[in-house]
Amino acid sequence: MYGTLGRTRRFRDQAQEFVAHHPDAYVCNLGCGLSDYLQWIDNGRMRMTDADLPEVMAIRREIQPAWHERHSLAELDLTAPDWWERLGLPTSRDDPPVCLMSKGVFMYLEPSTVNAVLATFGERAPADSVFNFDVMCWLAVGRAKHHTSVKHTDAEFHWGPRRLGDLTAPHPRLALQAVHQVMGSYSLFYKLLQPAFKAATGVPFYAVYTLWIGK
């Protein structure tokens, strides 16, 4: 529960910061589930799309419809090569920057899918765009049965970085802007464990990452 709330706060803060710098921003939540970040970031000007698989969006439309005309709901399949176009994301690098977020998604995708998604972002996103996502490192891959909540589902962890360079490798325009380790303030154990783990492996066990697009 602490981890869920901690990462939600981090995603919220990152989106709020982006909208503060870009008041007419376009924010897109990939794999939104029933989350509602618009309640925290809407400034009366920005636009937002919440997107997920069709079966998820069918539930969302029934119990949590769009707020207003600047808020849209869309079906999403990140394995489809044209997911960027289907969401109506910018068609030119000269367009205003966008903020993408994807919470609790990347660790469940195949490595080839993650690389393709990041490559698309790197190729298509306008300069100064950001992509916020969370993921566990490679040591978690194939070990969902040890996770307190995920073990009760049929889900499995398929991807996690071995090195920070894995995050920017899919495209030369990608830059790692920030790494936020979520669990450090949970207890003294986690506070001491996090830097020790990163020193030993080169990557955090679990973190929220921000990728940024240069020119």
N, C-alpha and C. Protein backbone atom coordinates (compact mmCIF):
# COMPACT_ATOMS: atom_id res chain seq x y z
N MET A 1 0.83 -1.20 0.00
CA MET A 1 0.00 0.00 0.00
C MET A 1 0.88 1.26 0.00
N TYR A 2 1.94 1.25 0.81
CA TYR A 2 2.83 2.40 0.83
C TYR A 2 3.46 2.63 -0.53
N GLY A 3 3.90 1.55 -1.17
CA GLY A 3 4.52 1.68 -2.48
C GLY A 3 3.56 2.24 -3.51
N THR A 4 2.31 1.79 -3.48
CA THR A 4 1.31 2.29 -4.42
C THR A 4 1.06 3.77 -4.22
N LEU A 5 0.91 4.19 -2.97
CA LEU A 5 0.68 5.61 -2.69
C LEU A 5 1.93 6.45 -3.01
N GLY A 6 3.10 5.89 -2.71
CA GLY A 6 4.34 6.61 -2.96
C GLY A 6 4.57 6.86 -4.44
N ARG A 7 4.34 5.86 -5.26
CA ARG A 7 4.55 6.05 -6.70
C ARG A 7 3.47 6.96 -7.28
N THR A 8 2.24 6.87 -6.77
CA THR A 8 1.18 7.76 -7.24
C THR A 8 1.54 9.21 -6.98
N ARG A 9 2.06 9.48 -5.81
CA ARG A 9 2.47 10.85 -5.48
C ARG A 9 3.59 11.32 -6.42
N ARG A 10 4.51 10.42 -6.75
CA ARG A 10 5.61 10.80 -7.63
C ARG A 10 5.09 11.10 -9.03
N PHE A 11 4.20 10.26 -9.55
CA PHE A 11 3.62 10.51 -10.87
C PHE A 11 2.82 11.82 -10.87
N ARG A 12 2.08 12.06 -9.82
CA ARG A 12 1.31 13.30 -9.70
C ARG A 12 2.23 14.51 -9.72
N ASP A 13 3.29 14.46 -8.90
CA ASP A 13 4.20 15.60 -8.81
C ASP A 13 4.89 15.87 -10.14
N GLN A 14 5.29 14.81 -10.84
CA GLN A 14 5.95 14.98 -12.14
C GLN A 14 5.01 15.61 -13.16
N ALA A 15 3.75 15.16 -13.17
CA ALA A 15 2.78 15.73 -14.10
C ALA A 15 2.46 17.18 -13.75
N GLN A 16 2.33 17.48 -12.47
CA GLN A 16 2.06 18.85 -12.05
C GLN A 16 3.19 19.78 -12.46
N GLU A 17 4.42 19.31 -12.31
CA GLU A 17 5.58 20.12 -12.69
C GLU A 17 5.58 20.39 -14.19
N PHE A 18 5.25 19.37 -14.98
CA PHE A 18 5.23 19.53 -16.43
C PHE A 18 4.16 20.55 -16.84
N VAL A 19 2.97 20.42 -16.26
CA VAL A 19 1.88 21.33 -16.60
C VAL A 19 2.20 22.76 -16.15
N ALA A 20 2.91 22.91 -15.05
CA ALA A 20 3.30 24.24 -14.58
C ALA A 20 4.21 24.93 -15.60
N HIS A 21 5.07 24.15 -16.26
CA HIS A 21 5.97 24.70 -17.27
C HIS A 21 5.32 24.81 -18.64
N HIS A 22 4.28 23.99 -18.87
CA HIS A 22 3.59 23.98 -20.17
C HIS A 22 2.08 24.01 -19.90
N PRO A 23 1.51 25.18 -19.66
CA PRO A 23 0.10 25.30 -19.27
C PRO A 23 -0.89 24.70 -20.26
N ASP A 24 -0.52 24.64 -21.54
CA ASP A 24 -1.41 24.06 -22.56
C ASP A 24 -1.00 22.62 -22.88
N ALA A 25 -0.42 21.96 -21.93
CA ALA A 25 0.17 20.64 -22.13
C ALA A 25 -0.86 19.59 -22.54
N TYR A 26 -0.32 18.54 -23.19
CA TYR A 26 -1.10 17.34 -23.47
C TYR A 26 -0.48 16.21 -22.64
N VAL A 27 -1.24 15.65 -21.72
CA VAL A 27 -0.80 14.57 -20.84
C VAL A 27 -1.54 13.31 -21.24
N CYS A 28 -0.82 12.22 -21.36
CA CYS A 28 -1.43 10.95 -21.75
C CYS A 28 -1.01 9.86 -20.79
N ASN A 29 -1.98 9.18 -20.19
CA ASN A 29 -1.74 8.13 -19.21
C ASN A 29 -1.94 6.78 -19.90
N LEU A 30 -0.85 6.07 -20.13
CA LEU A 30 -0.87 4.79 -20.83
C LEU A 30 -1.02 3.65 -19.83
N GLY A 31 -2.16 2.95 -19.88
CA GLY A 31 -2.44 1.93 -18.89
C GLY A 31 -3.03 2.55 -17.65
N CYS A 32 -4.02 3.40 -17.84
CA CYS A 32 -4.57 4.23 -16.76
C CYS A 32 -5.33 3.45 -15.70
N GLY A 33 -5.93 2.30 -16.09
CA GLY A 33 -6.80 1.62 -15.15
C GLY A 33 -7.93 2.53 -14.72
N LEU A 34 -8.15 2.65 -13.41
CA LEU A 34 -9.17 3.55 -12.88
C LEU A 34 -8.53 4.74 -12.16
N SER A 35 -7.27 5.02 -12.44
CA SER A 35 -6.60 6.15 -11.80
C SER A 35 -7.17 7.47 -12.31
N ASP A 36 -7.04 8.51 -11.50
CA ASP A 36 -7.65 9.81 -11.84
C ASP A 36 -6.66 10.93 -11.53
N TYR A 37 -5.65 11.06 -12.39
CA TYR A 37 -4.65 12.11 -12.18
C TYR A 37 -5.16 13.49 -12.57
N LEU A 38 -6.19 13.54 -13.39
CA LEU A 38 -6.70 14.83 -13.83
C LEU A 38 -7.17 15.68 -12.65
N GLN A 39 -7.67 15.06 -11.60
CA GLN A 39 -8.16 15.80 -10.44
C GLN A 39 -7.05 16.64 -9.80
N TRP A 40 -5.79 16.25 -10.01
CA TRP A 40 -4.67 16.95 -9.39
C TRP A 40 -3.94 17.90 -10.34
N ILE A 41 -4.08 17.69 -11.64
CA ILE A 41 -3.24 18.45 -12.58
C ILE A 41 -4.02 19.37 -13.50
N ASP A 42 -5.33 19.31 -13.50
CA ASP A 42 -6.11 20.14 -14.43
C ASP A 42 -5.98 21.62 -14.06
N ASN A 43 -5.55 22.41 -15.02
CA ASN A 43 -5.39 23.86 -14.81
C ASN A 43 -6.41 24.67 -15.61
N GLY A 44 -7.37 23.97 -16.21
CA GLY A 44 -8.37 24.65 -17.01
C GLY A 44 -7.97 24.85 -18.45
N ARG A 45 -6.74 24.45 -18.82
CA ARG A 45 -6.24 24.63 -20.18
C ARG A 45 -5.66 23.34 -20.78
N MET A 46 -5.02 22.56 -19.96
CA MET A 46 -4.34 21.36 -20.46
C MET A 46 -5.34 20.31 -20.94
N ARG A 47 -4.85 19.38 -21.77
CA ARG A 47 -5.66 18.27 -22.25
C ARG A 47 -5.09 16.96 -21.73
N MET A 48 -5.96 15.98 -21.55
CA MET A 48 -5.50 14.69 -21.05
C MET A 48 -6.26 13.55 -21.69
N THR A 49 -5.53 12.48 -22.00
CA THR A 49 -6.13 11.24 -22.46
C THR A 49 -5.77 10.13 -21.49
N ASP A 50 -6.77 9.42 -21.02
CA ASP A 50 -6.57 8.21 -20.24
C ASP A 50 -6.82 7.02 -21.16
N ALA A 51 -5.86 6.11 -21.25
CA ALA A 51 -5.96 5.02 -22.22
C ALA A 51 -5.58 3.69 -21.57
N ASP A 52 -6.26 2.63 -22.02
CA ASP A 52 -5.96 1.29 -21.52
C ASP A 52 -6.58 0.28 -22.48
N LEU A 53 -6.46 -0.99 -22.16
CA LEU A 53 -7.04 -2.04 -22.98
C LEU A 53 -8.55 -1.89 -23.08
N PRO A 54 -9.16 -2.36 -24.18
CA PRO A 54 -10.60 -2.17 -24.37
C PRO A 54 -11.46 -2.65 -23.21
N GLU A 55 -11.12 -3.82 -22.63
CA GLU A 55 -11.95 -4.34 -21.54
C GLU A 55 -11.86 -3.46 -20.29
N VAL A 56 -10.71 -2.81 -20.09
CA VAL A 56 -10.56 -1.89 -18.96
C VAL A 56 -11.35 -0.61 -19.22
N MET A 57 -11.26 -0.09 -20.44
CA MET A 57 -11.94 1.16 -20.76
C MET A 57 -13.46 1.00 -20.76
N ALA A 58 -13.96 -0.19 -21.04
CA ALA A 58 -15.40 -0.43 -20.98
C ALA A 58 -15.90 -0.23 -19.56
N ILE A 59 -15.12 -0.72 -18.58
CA ILE A 59 -15.48 -0.53 -17.17
C ILE A 59 -15.34 0.94 -16.79
N ARG A 60 -14.25 1.56 -17.22
CA ARG A 60 -14.01 2.95 -16.86
C ARG A 60 -15.10 3.86 -17.40
N ARG A 61 -15.50 3.67 -18.64
CA ARG A 61 -16.54 4.52 -19.23
C ARG A 61 -17.85 4.40 -18.47
N GLU A 62 -18.10 3.23 -17.89
CA GLU A 62 -19.34 3.01 -17.16
C GLU A 62 -19.34 3.69 -15.80
N ILE A 63 -18.21 3.63 -15.09
CA ILE A 63 -18.20 4.14 -13.71
C ILE A 63 -17.41 5.43 -13.55
N GLN A 64 -16.59 5.79 -14.56
CA GLN A 64 -15.73 6.96 -14.42
C GLN A 64 -15.56 7.63 -15.78
N PRO A 65 -16.61 8.23 -16.31
CA PRO A 65 -16.54 8.84 -17.64
C PRO A 65 -15.64 10.07 -17.68
N ALA A 66 -15.40 10.56 -18.89
CA ALA A 66 -14.55 11.74 -19.07
C ALA A 66 -15.12 12.94 -18.33
N TRP A 67 -14.22 13.78 -17.82
CA TRP A 67 -14.63 14.95 -17.04
C TRP A 67 -15.29 16.02 -17.91
N HIS A 68 -14.64 16.32 -19.04
CA HIS A 68 -15.06 17.45 -19.88
C HIS A 68 -14.47 17.29 -21.27
N GLU A 69 -14.63 18.30 -22.12
CA GLU A 69 -14.19 18.19 -23.51
C GLU A 69 -12.68 18.14 -23.66
N ARG A 70 -11.93 18.54 -22.64
CA ARG A 70 -10.46 18.47 -22.72
C ARG A 70 -9.93 17.14 -22.20
N HIS A 71 -10.82 16.26 -21.81
CA HIS A 71 -10.45 14.95 -21.27
C HIS A 71 -11.06 13.87 -22.15
N SER A 72 -10.23 12.96 -22.64
CA SER A 72 -10.72 11.89 -23.51
C SER A 72 -10.30 10.53 -22.97
N LEU A 73 -11.07 9.52 -23.32
CA LEU A 73 -10.78 8.13 -22.98
C LEU A 73 -10.54 7.37 -24.27
N ALA A 74 -9.53 6.49 -24.28
CA ALA A 74 -9.18 5.81 -25.52
C ALA A 74 -8.71 4.39 -25.25
N GLU A 75 -8.95 3.52 -26.23
CA GLU A 75 -8.43 2.16 -26.17
C GLU A 75 -6.94 2.17 -26.54
N LEU A 76 -6.18 1.29 -25.93
CA LEU A 76 -4.74 1.27 -26.13
C LEU A 76 -4.21 -0.15 -26.12
N ASP A 77 -3.34 -0.44 -27.07
CA ASP A 77 -2.59 -1.69 -27.08
C ASP A 77 -1.15 -1.33 -27.42
N LEU A 78 -0.28 -1.33 -26.42
CA LEU A 78 1.10 -0.92 -26.63
C LEU A 78 1.88 -1.89 -27.50
N THR A 79 1.34 -3.07 -27.76
CA THR A 79 2.01 -3.99 -28.68
C THR A 79 1.73 -3.65 -30.13
N ALA A 80 0.74 -2.79 -30.39
CA ALA A 80 0.43 -2.39 -31.76
C ALA A 80 1.44 -1.34 -32.22
N PRO A 81 2.01 -1.49 -33.40
CA PRO A 81 3.04 -0.55 -33.85
C PRO A 81 2.54 0.87 -34.06
N ASP A 82 1.22 1.03 -34.21
CA ASP A 82 0.67 2.37 -34.48
C ASP A 82 -0.05 2.97 -33.26
N TRP A 83 0.35 2.55 -32.06
CA TRP A 83 -0.33 3.05 -30.86
C TRP A 83 -0.20 4.56 -30.75
N TRP A 84 0.90 5.14 -31.16
CA TRP A 84 1.10 6.59 -31.09
C TRP A 84 0.06 7.32 -31.93
N GLU A 85 -0.12 6.86 -33.15
CA GLU A 85 -1.09 7.49 -34.05
C GLU A 85 -2.52 7.31 -33.55
N ARG A 86 -2.82 6.14 -33.03
CA ARG A 86 -4.19 5.87 -32.56
C ARG A 86 -4.59 6.80 -31.41
N LEU A 87 -3.61 7.24 -30.63
CA LEU A 87 -3.90 8.14 -29.52
C LEU A 87 -3.93 9.60 -29.95
N GLY A 88 -3.60 9.88 -31.20
CA GLY A 88 -3.60 11.26 -31.67
C GLY A 88 -2.48 12.09 -31.09
N LEU A 89 -1.36 11.44 -30.78
CA LEU A 89 -0.21 12.16 -30.26
C LEU A 89 0.47 12.96 -31.38
N PRO A 90 1.36 13.89 -31.06
CA PRO A 90 1.91 14.82 -32.06
C PRO A 90 2.46 14.14 -33.30
N THR A 91 2.20 14.75 -34.44
CA THR A 91 2.68 14.22 -35.72
C THR A 91 3.99 14.85 -36.14
N SER A 92 4.44 15.88 -35.44
CA SER A 92 5.66 16.58 -35.80
C SER A 92 6.50 16.83 -34.56
N ARG A 93 7.82 16.77 -34.72
CA ARG A 93 8.72 17.09 -33.62
C ARG A 93 8.66 18.57 -33.25
N ASP A 94 8.08 19.38 -34.12
CA ASP A 94 7.97 20.82 -33.85
C ASP A 94 6.72 21.17 -33.06
N ASP A 95 5.87 20.19 -32.77
CA ASP A 95 4.67 20.43 -31.97
C ASP A 95 5.06 20.69 -30.51
N PRO A 96 4.12 21.20 -29.71
CA PRO A 96 4.39 21.40 -28.28
C PRO A 96 4.71 20.06 -27.60
N PRO A 97 5.52 20.07 -26.55
CA PRO A 97 5.91 18.82 -25.87
C PRO A 97 4.72 18.15 -25.20
N VAL A 98 4.86 16.85 -25.00
CA VAL A 98 3.82 16.06 -24.34
C VAL A 98 4.41 15.38 -23.12
N CYS A 99 3.53 15.03 -22.21
CA CYS A 99 3.90 14.28 -21.01
C CYS A 99 3.19 12.93 -21.04
N LEU A 100 3.96 11.85 -21.14
CA LEU A 100 3.39 10.52 -21.07
C LEU A 100 3.69 9.93 -19.70
N MET A 101 2.76 9.14 -19.19
CA MET A 101 2.99 8.42 -17.94
C MET A 101 2.45 7.01 -18.11
N SER A 102 3.10 6.07 -17.43
CA SER A 102 2.66 4.68 -17.49
C SER A 102 3.01 4.03 -16.17
N LYS A 103 2.00 3.85 -15.34
CA LYS A 103 2.20 3.35 -13.98
C LYS A 103 1.82 1.87 -13.89
N GLY A 104 2.76 1.04 -13.40
CA GLY A 104 2.46 -0.36 -13.20
C GLY A 104 2.24 -1.12 -14.49
N VAL A 105 2.96 -0.77 -15.55
CA VAL A 105 2.74 -1.38 -16.86
C VAL A 105 4.01 -2.03 -17.41
N PHE A 106 5.11 -1.30 -17.43
CA PHE A 106 6.29 -1.74 -18.16
C PHE A 106 6.84 -3.08 -17.68
N MET A 107 6.75 -3.37 -16.38
CA MET A 107 7.32 -4.62 -15.88
C MET A 107 6.59 -5.85 -16.40
N TYR A 108 5.36 -5.66 -16.88
CA TYR A 108 4.57 -6.78 -17.39
C TYR A 108 4.71 -6.96 -18.90
N LEU A 109 5.40 -6.05 -19.58
CA LEU A 109 5.56 -6.13 -21.03
C LEU A 109 6.81 -6.92 -21.39
N GLU A 110 6.79 -7.51 -22.59
CA GLU A 110 7.98 -8.19 -23.09
C GLU A 110 9.06 -7.16 -23.41
N PRO A 111 10.33 -7.52 -23.27
CA PRO A 111 11.41 -6.57 -23.56
C PRO A 111 11.31 -5.93 -24.93
N SER A 112 10.93 -6.70 -25.95
CA SER A 112 10.81 -6.14 -27.29
C SER A 112 9.74 -5.07 -27.37
N THR A 113 8.66 -5.25 -26.61
CA THR A 113 7.58 -4.25 -26.60
C THR A 113 8.04 -2.98 -25.91
N VAL A 114 8.73 -3.11 -24.77
CA VAL A 114 9.23 -1.93 -24.07
C VAL A 114 10.18 -1.15 -24.96
N ASN A 115 11.10 -1.83 -25.60
CA ASN A 115 12.06 -1.16 -26.48
C ASN A 115 11.35 -0.46 -27.63
N ALA A 116 10.31 -1.11 -28.18
CA ALA A 116 9.57 -0.49 -29.28
C ALA A 116 8.82 0.75 -28.82
N VAL A 117 8.21 0.69 -27.64
CA VAL A 117 7.49 1.84 -27.10
C VAL A 117 8.44 3.01 -26.88
N LEU A 118 9.57 2.75 -26.26
CA LEU A 118 10.53 3.82 -25.99
C LEU A 118 11.14 4.36 -27.29
N ALA A 119 11.35 3.48 -28.26
CA ALA A 119 11.88 3.93 -29.55
C ALA A 119 10.87 4.84 -30.25
N THR A 120 9.59 4.50 -30.16
CA THR A 120 8.55 5.35 -30.76
C THR A 120 8.51 6.71 -30.08
N PHE A 121 8.58 6.71 -28.76
CA PHE A 121 8.62 7.98 -28.04
C PHE A 121 9.83 8.80 -28.47
N GLY A 122 10.99 8.17 -28.55
CA GLY A 122 12.19 8.87 -28.94
C GLY A 122 12.12 9.43 -30.35
N GLU A 123 11.49 8.70 -31.24
CA GLU A 123 11.41 9.11 -32.63
C GLU A 123 10.35 10.17 -32.87
N ARG A 124 9.22 10.06 -32.18
CA ARG A 124 8.06 10.88 -32.54
C ARG A 124 7.83 12.08 -31.63
N ALA A 125 8.26 12.00 -30.38
CA ALA A 125 7.90 13.05 -29.41
C ALA A 125 8.61 14.36 -29.72
N PRO A 126 7.92 15.49 -29.56
CA PRO A 126 8.56 16.80 -29.71
C PRO A 126 9.61 17.03 -28.63
N ALA A 127 10.52 17.95 -28.88
CA ALA A 127 11.55 18.29 -27.91
C ALA A 127 10.93 18.75 -26.60
N ASP A 128 11.56 18.39 -25.51
CA ASP A 128 11.16 18.74 -24.14
C ASP A 128 10.01 17.88 -23.63
N SER A 129 9.62 16.85 -24.38
CA SER A 129 8.62 15.91 -23.89
C SER A 129 9.22 15.01 -22.82
N VAL A 130 8.37 14.45 -21.96
CA VAL A 130 8.84 13.55 -20.91
C VAL A 130 7.98 12.29 -20.88
N PHE A 131 8.58 11.21 -20.39
CA PHE A 131 7.87 9.94 -20.23
C PHE A 131 8.21 9.43 -18.83
N ASN A 132 7.21 9.35 -17.97
CA ASN A 132 7.37 8.86 -16.61
C ASN A 132 6.82 7.44 -16.51
N PHE A 133 7.62 6.52 -15.99
CA PHE A 133 7.15 5.14 -15.81
C PHE A 133 7.89 4.51 -14.65
N ASP A 134 7.30 3.48 -14.07
CA ASP A 134 7.92 2.76 -12.97
C ASP A 134 8.23 1.34 -13.40
N VAL A 135 9.28 0.78 -12.83
CA VAL A 135 9.63 -0.60 -13.15
C VAL A 135 10.60 -1.14 -12.11
N MET A 136 10.57 -2.44 -11.92
CA MET A 136 11.56 -3.13 -11.09
C MET A 136 12.71 -3.58 -11.98
N CYS A 137 13.84 -3.87 -11.38
CA CYS A 137 15.01 -4.24 -12.17
C CYS A 137 14.90 -5.69 -12.64
N TRP A 138 15.89 -6.14 -13.38
CA TRP A 138 15.89 -7.46 -14.02
C TRP A 138 15.80 -8.61 -13.03
N LEU A 139 16.20 -8.39 -11.78
CA LEU A 139 16.15 -9.47 -10.80
C LEU A 139 14.72 -9.89 -10.45
N ALA A 140 13.75 -9.03 -10.75
CA ALA A 140 12.35 -9.37 -10.47
C ALA A 140 11.71 -10.19 -11.59
N VAL A 141 12.35 -10.22 -12.75
CA VAL A 141 11.77 -10.91 -13.91
C VAL A 141 11.55 -12.39 -13.60
N GLY A 142 10.33 -12.85 -13.85
CA GLY A 142 9.99 -14.25 -13.61
C GLY A 142 9.71 -14.60 -12.17
N ARG A 143 9.65 -13.59 -11.30
CA ARG A 143 9.49 -13.86 -9.87
C ARG A 143 8.24 -13.22 -9.28
N ALA A 144 7.20 -13.08 -10.07
CA ALA A 144 5.96 -12.48 -9.57
C ALA A 144 5.36 -13.29 -8.43
N LYS A 145 5.66 -14.58 -8.38
CA LYS A 145 5.09 -15.43 -7.32
C LYS A 145 5.58 -15.01 -5.93
N HIS A 146 6.64 -14.22 -5.87
CA HIS A 146 7.16 -13.76 -4.59
C HIS A 146 6.61 -12.39 -4.19
N HIS A 147 5.85 -11.77 -5.08
CA HIS A 147 5.31 -10.44 -4.80
C HIS A 147 4.02 -10.57 -3.98
N THR A 148 3.90 -9.74 -2.96
CA THR A 148 2.81 -9.88 -2.00
C THR A 148 1.43 -9.90 -2.64
N SER A 149 1.18 -9.01 -3.59
CA SER A 149 -0.15 -8.94 -4.20
C SER A 149 -0.21 -9.59 -5.58
N VAL A 150 0.84 -9.44 -6.39
CA VAL A 150 0.81 -9.97 -7.75
C VAL A 150 0.74 -11.49 -7.77
N LYS A 151 1.25 -12.14 -6.74
CA LYS A 151 1.25 -13.60 -6.71
C LYS A 151 -0.16 -14.19 -6.72
N HIS A 152 -1.16 -13.39 -6.40
CA HIS A 152 -2.54 -13.87 -6.39
C HIS A 152 -3.20 -13.73 -7.76
N THR A 153 -2.46 -13.28 -8.75
CA THR A 153 -2.98 -13.12 -10.11
C THR A 153 -2.20 -14.03 -11.05
N ASP A 154 -2.55 -13.97 -12.33
CA ASP A 154 -1.83 -14.73 -13.34
C ASP A 154 -0.74 -13.90 -14.00
N ALA A 155 -0.48 -12.71 -13.48
CA ALA A 155 0.50 -11.81 -14.08
C ALA A 155 1.92 -12.27 -13.78
N GLU A 156 2.85 -11.87 -14.67
CA GLU A 156 4.26 -12.17 -14.48
C GLU A 156 5.10 -10.95 -14.87
N PHE A 157 6.24 -10.78 -14.22
CA PHE A 157 7.17 -9.71 -14.57
C PHE A 157 8.08 -10.19 -15.71
N HIS A 158 8.09 -9.43 -16.80
CA HIS A 158 8.84 -9.85 -17.99
C HIS A 158 10.04 -8.96 -18.32
N TRP A 159 10.05 -7.73 -17.79
CA TRP A 159 11.13 -6.83 -18.16
C TRP A 159 11.55 -5.97 -16.98
N GLY A 160 12.84 -5.72 -16.92
CA GLY A 160 13.42 -4.78 -15.96
C GLY A 160 14.83 -4.47 -16.41
N PRO A 161 15.31 -3.25 -16.24
CA PRO A 161 16.64 -2.88 -16.72
C PRO A 161 17.76 -3.56 -15.94
N ARG A 162 18.82 -3.94 -16.66
CA ARG A 162 20.04 -4.44 -16.03
C ARG A 162 20.99 -3.30 -15.71
N ARG A 163 20.87 -2.23 -16.49
CA ARG A 163 21.70 -1.03 -16.30
C ARG A 163 20.86 0.16 -16.72
N LEU A 164 21.19 1.32 -16.19
CA LEU A 164 20.40 2.51 -16.51
C LEU A 164 20.45 2.83 -17.99
N GLY A 165 21.53 2.45 -18.65
CA GLY A 165 21.64 2.68 -20.08
C GLY A 165 20.61 1.95 -20.90
N ASP A 166 20.01 0.88 -20.35
CA ASP A 166 18.95 0.17 -21.07
C ASP A 166 17.75 1.06 -21.35
N LEU A 167 17.55 2.08 -20.50
CA LEU A 167 16.37 2.94 -20.63
C LEU A 167 16.49 3.90 -21.80
N THR A 168 17.70 4.29 -22.13
CA THR A 168 17.91 5.26 -23.22
C THR A 168 18.41 4.60 -24.49
N ALA A 169 18.78 3.33 -24.44
CA ALA A 169 19.34 2.64 -25.60
C ALA A 169 18.41 2.58 -26.82
N PRO A 170 17.07 2.52 -26.65
CA PRO A 170 16.21 2.37 -27.82
C PRO A 170 16.26 3.52 -28.82
N HIS A 171 16.69 4.72 -28.40
CA HIS A 171 16.72 5.84 -29.36
C HIS A 171 17.72 6.89 -28.89
N PRO A 172 18.50 7.47 -29.81
CA PRO A 172 19.52 8.44 -29.41
C PRO A 172 18.99 9.75 -28.82
N ARG A 173 17.70 10.06 -29.02
CA ARG A 173 17.15 11.29 -28.47
C ARG A 173 16.75 11.14 -27.00
N LEU A 174 16.73 9.93 -26.50
CA LEU A 174 16.29 9.69 -25.13
C LEU A 174 17.39 10.05 -24.13
N ALA A 175 16.99 10.75 -23.07
CA ALA A 175 17.91 11.09 -21.99
C ALA A 175 17.24 10.78 -20.66
N LEU A 176 18.00 10.21 -19.73
CA LEU A 176 17.46 9.90 -18.41
C LEU A 176 17.51 11.17 -17.57
N GLN A 177 16.34 11.73 -17.27
CA GLN A 177 16.27 12.99 -16.55
C GLN A 177 16.24 12.80 -15.05
N ALA A 178 15.56 11.76 -14.56
CA ALA A 178 15.42 11.59 -13.12
C ALA A 178 15.16 10.13 -12.77
N VAL A 179 15.63 9.73 -11.58
CA VAL A 179 15.37 8.41 -11.01
C VAL A 179 14.87 8.62 -9.59
N HIS A 180 13.67 8.15 -9.31
CA HIS A 180 13.07 8.35 -7.99
C HIS A 180 12.81 6.98 -7.34
N GLN A 181 13.55 6.67 -6.29
CA GLN A 181 13.32 5.43 -5.57
C GLN A 181 12.20 5.66 -4.54
N VAL A 182 11.18 4.86 -4.63
CA VAL A 182 9.93 5.13 -3.93
C VAL A 182 9.95 4.74 -2.46
N MET A 183 10.62 3.67 -2.11
CA MET A 183 10.45 3.06 -0.80
C MET A 183 11.41 3.55 0.27
N GLY A 184 12.28 4.50 -0.04
CA GLY A 184 13.33 4.91 0.88
C GLY A 184 12.84 5.43 2.22
N SER A 185 11.71 6.11 2.23
CA SER A 185 11.22 6.69 3.49
C SER A 185 10.25 5.77 4.22
N TYR A 186 10.08 4.54 3.73
CA TYR A 186 9.16 3.62 4.38
C TYR A 186 9.70 3.14 5.72
N SER A 187 10.99 2.85 5.75
CA SER A 187 11.60 2.38 7.00
C SER A 187 13.11 2.55 6.89
N LEU A 188 13.81 2.43 8.03
CA LEU A 188 15.26 2.52 8.04
C LEU A 188 15.86 1.40 7.19
N PHE A 189 15.24 0.24 7.21
CA PHE A 189 15.73 -0.89 6.41
C PHE A 189 15.79 -0.52 4.93
N TYR A 190 14.70 0.03 4.40
CA TYR A 190 14.68 0.40 3.00
C TYR A 190 15.61 1.57 2.72
N LYS A 191 15.71 2.48 3.66
CA LYS A 191 16.59 3.64 3.47
C LYS A 191 18.04 3.20 3.31
N LEU A 192 18.45 2.20 4.06
CA LEU A 192 19.81 1.69 3.97
C LEU A 192 19.98 0.71 2.81
N LEU A 193 18.93 -0.04 2.51
CA LEU A 193 19.02 -1.06 1.48
C LEU A 193 19.14 -0.46 0.08
N GLN A 194 18.39 0.62 -0.19
CA GLN A 194 18.34 1.16 -1.54
C GLN A 194 19.71 1.55 -2.09
N PRO A 195 20.51 2.38 -1.39
CA PRO A 195 21.82 2.72 -1.95
C PRO A 195 22.77 1.52 -2.03
N ALA A 196 22.64 0.59 -1.09
CA ALA A 196 23.50 -0.60 -1.12
C ALA A 196 23.16 -1.47 -2.33
N PHE A 197 21.89 -1.63 -2.61
CA PHE A 197 21.47 -2.44 -3.75
C PHE A 197 21.92 -1.81 -5.06
N LYS A 198 21.74 -0.50 -5.19
CA LYS A 198 22.14 0.18 -6.42
C LYS A 198 23.66 0.12 -6.61
N ALA A 199 24.40 0.24 -5.53
CA ALA A 199 25.85 0.16 -5.63
C ALA A 199 26.30 -1.22 -6.09
N ALA A 200 25.57 -2.24 -5.68
CA ALA A 200 25.95 -3.61 -6.02
C ALA A 200 25.51 -4.01 -7.42
N THR A 201 24.37 -3.49 -7.86
CA THR A 201 23.81 -3.94 -9.14
C THR A 201 23.87 -2.89 -10.24
N GLY A 202 24.01 -1.62 -9.87
CA GLY A 202 24.03 -0.55 -10.86
C GLY A 202 22.68 0.06 -11.15
N VAL A 203 21.61 -0.56 -10.65
CA VAL A 203 20.26 -0.04 -10.86
C VAL A 203 19.47 -0.16 -9.57
N PRO A 204 18.46 0.69 -9.35
CA PRO A 204 17.58 0.51 -8.20
C PRO A 204 16.75 -0.76 -8.38
N PHE A 205 16.33 -1.36 -7.27
CA PHE A 205 15.43 -2.51 -7.40
C PHE A 205 14.09 -2.07 -7.97
N TYR A 206 13.60 -0.93 -7.49
CA TYR A 206 12.32 -0.40 -7.98
C TYR A 206 12.40 1.12 -7.97
N ALA A 207 11.94 1.73 -9.07
CA ALA A 207 12.03 3.19 -9.15
C ALA A 207 11.04 3.72 -10.17
N VAL A 208 10.75 5.01 -10.06
CA VAL A 208 10.02 5.76 -11.08
C VAL A 208 11.06 6.54 -11.88
N TYR A 209 11.05 6.34 -13.19
CA TYR A 209 12.04 6.97 -14.08
C TYR A 209 11.38 8.05 -14.93
N THR A 210 12.14 9.08 -15.25
CA THR A 210 11.68 10.11 -16.17
C THR A 210 12.67 10.19 -17.34
N LEU A 211 12.17 9.90 -18.53
CA LEU A 211 12.95 10.07 -19.74
C LEU A 211 12.56 11.40 -20.37
N TRP A 212 13.55 12.08 -20.92
CA TRP A 212 13.37 13.40 -21.51
C TRP A 212 13.87 13.40 -22.94
N ILE A 213 13.20 14.16 -23.79
CA ILE A 213 13.58 14.28 -25.19
C ILE A 213 14.31 15.58 -25.43
N GLY A 214 15.52 15.50 -25.95
CA GLY A 214 16.25 16.69 -26.33
C GLY A 214 15.79 17.16 -27.70
N LYS A 215 16.63 17.86 -28.39
CA LYS A 215 16.25 18.38 -29.72
C LYS A 215 16.16 17.26 -30.75
